[in-house]
Amino acid sequence: MYSIVLIIPYFGKFDNIFDLWLESCKINSSIDYIIITDIQVNYNLPANVKIIKYSFDELRNKIQKLYDFKISLNTPYRLCNFKPAYGEIFEDKIKKYDYWGFCDVDLIWGNIRHFLPSNMDFDKIGSYGHFSLIKNTYKNNRIYRYKDAYKIAFSNDLPLFFDEVTFNIICSKLHLTTFNLKIANLYPRLKNFYITSEKETGIFRKNIFSWDNTKGLFAISKNNDDFEVREYAYVHFLKRPITNKVTDYKSFIIVPNTIINSSDGYEKLYRKYCKNGLFISYWKNSFRWHNFKERLIFRIYKNKVVRTLISEMNKLVE
């Protein structure tokens, strides 16, 4: 069985489902997680989760030493641009692993190994900023440098999606073999849990999720009078605010937009929680004056700049 480590730089404050994220890490005991943070962590950490203390300034300085140009990393959120470089940035931490990767913490893991390939024939597993794995080789850990598009991403303090767009183009251009996972990425603007990949296929179903520390993660959706149960590698909330009411960590139910303990059957849970409508918290947050002003400025000015820079990066590597 090949070894895996996930690297998670995180600064600020953990959200209210972080304890459940840790529980879901625990059921993936054959995968290691390294959290780079300055936060005082007051959780019972699973044996496969390790904390390495760094201040944000220390991490920024560590990254800057790799490059002969000035990087732009003013806030921890802009670390997203640097995710494809983690294999080089943290090379000293990942030497013993076959694969390294990056992920988010606004998700709940299922049993990841159920969905991974059985062999090491793939250079890359997953194609998302919220979860991707790279085969740990000197060459793979530096492919993000291809034709210098990374210099644009690393020197601009803008959301250029280098980890999700340009990096994937590079991987394709260099013929890296990629294995895709079955994941539940949630559509953010509606109250119900709709899986974005299902929208693309025309099957837009309401879902609830069941998680168990021995079985993993399952989506439950209604098909006429029956319920369909499907296993996933993880569910990604996409920054969706979730209320955590869990007291028993062995199993729980994920409903819009709460995580609870419940012994109710699927029919009762579906009737109670699967209500049509907009996800009000999303829209309230969008129209708070500070956020609205930022979005307006972005639309008027920065959006054009971002599109131009992304286009420049993609042209460089295509």
Foldseek 3Di string as FASTA:
>chain_A
DFEEEAEAEDEDDDDPCLLQQQLLVQLQVRYAYEYEYQDDDPHDHHPRYYYDYDYPVRLLVLVCVVDPDDFDDPDPVLCLLVQLLCCVSVVVPCVVGQKYKYADSQKGFWHQVVWDDPDDQFQKEAQDSHIIIGGRDPVSSCLLPQLNLSVLSGRDPDPLNSSRPLVVLSCVLVVGGYHYFFEFEADAWWQFGFGPVCVVVVNTFGWKWKAASVGTIWIWTDDPPDIDIGHGRMYHNPPHDAAEPDDDSRMWMQARGYIYRDPDDPVVRCVVGVDTDTSVVVVVVCPDPVNVVVVVCCVVPVVVVSVVSSVVSNVSND
